[in-house]
Protein backbone atom coordinates (compact mmCIF):
# COMPACT_ATOMS: atom_id res chain seq x y z
CA MET A 1 34.35 -95.14 98.57
CA ARG A 2 34.93 -97.26 95.53
CA ARG A 3 34.55 -100.74 96.95
CA GLN A 4 34.74 -102.43 93.53
CA LEU A 5 38.18 -100.91 92.82
CA ILE A 6 39.41 -101.96 96.26
CA GLU A 7 38.22 -105.53 95.77
CA GLU A 8 39.76 -105.71 92.30
CA CYS A 9 43.07 -104.45 93.65
CA ILE A 10 43.08 -107.07 96.42
CA GLU A 11 42.27 -109.83 93.95
CA ILE A 12 45.03 -108.77 91.55
CA LEU A 13 47.57 -108.57 94.37
CA CYS A 14 46.58 -111.96 95.81
CA ASN A 15 46.87 -113.59 92.40
CA LYS A 16 50.57 -112.67 92.40
CA GLY A 17 51.24 -115.25 95.11
CA CYS A 18 52.14 -115.38 98.77
CA ARG A 19 55.68 -114.04 98.64
CA SER A 20 54.68 -111.15 96.40
CA VAL A 21 51.79 -110.26 98.68
CA ARG A 22 54.15 -110.13 101.67
CA LYS A 23 56.43 -107.76 99.72
CA ASP A 24 53.43 -105.66 98.71
CA ILE A 25 52.30 -105.45 102.34
CA ALA A 26 55.75 -104.19 103.34
CA ALA A 27 55.67 -101.63 100.52
CA LEU A 28 52.23 -100.39 101.53
CA GLU A 29 53.34 -100.14 105.16
CA HIS A 30 56.15 -97.85 104.01
CA GLY A 31 53.74 -95.61 102.13
CA GLN A 32 54.57 -96.78 98.64
CA VAL A 33 51.85 -96.72 96.01
CA LEU A 34 51.72 -100.04 94.22
CA PRO A 35 51.01 -100.01 90.47
CA GLU A 36 47.90 -102.10 91.16
CA ALA A 37 46.64 -99.45 93.59
CA TRP A 38 47.41 -96.23 91.71
CA GLN A 39 43.70 -95.45 91.30
CA LEU A 40 43.06 -95.64 95.04
CA ASP A 41 43.35 -92.80 97.51
CA ALA A 42 45.29 -93.09 100.77
CA GLU A 43 42.34 -94.38 102.81
CA GLU A 44 41.48 -96.97 100.17
CA ARG A 45 45.12 -98.16 100.11
CA ARG A 46 44.96 -98.53 103.91
CA MET A 47 41.86 -100.66 103.45
CA VAL A 48 43.73 -102.83 100.94
CA LEU A 49 46.61 -103.17 103.39
CA ARG A 50 44.30 -104.20 106.25
CA GLU A 51 42.57 -106.77 104.06
CA LEU A 52 45.84 -108.21 102.77
CA LYS A 53 47.13 -108.54 106.34
CA SER A 54 43.91 -110.28 107.33
CA ILE A 55 44.15 -112.70 104.42
CA MET A 56 47.82 -113.45 105.03
CA ALA A 57 47.25 -114.00 108.76
CA VAL A 58 45.71 -117.34 107.80
CA TYR A 59 49.12 -118.48 106.49
CA GLY A 60 51.15 -117.38 109.52
CA ASP A 61 54.85 -117.02 108.75
CA SER A 62 54.72 -119.59 106.00
CA CYS A 63 53.77 -119.26 102.37
CA LYS A 64 53.03 -122.96 102.01
CA ILE A 65 49.70 -123.88 100.56
């Protein structure tokens, strides 16, 4: 497993902002390969998805900071 690539992908995605991350989560849930995750295999993309969901759970349904 390439933990560094996974962490970099998560950081890049999170830097796009809350609304973008929610869209990216939906895309990943539908099996789409995001440009930021093209280097990752299916299991690594699932790990990214789980981590993004965990991060976004803190914000609930809101994207307010």
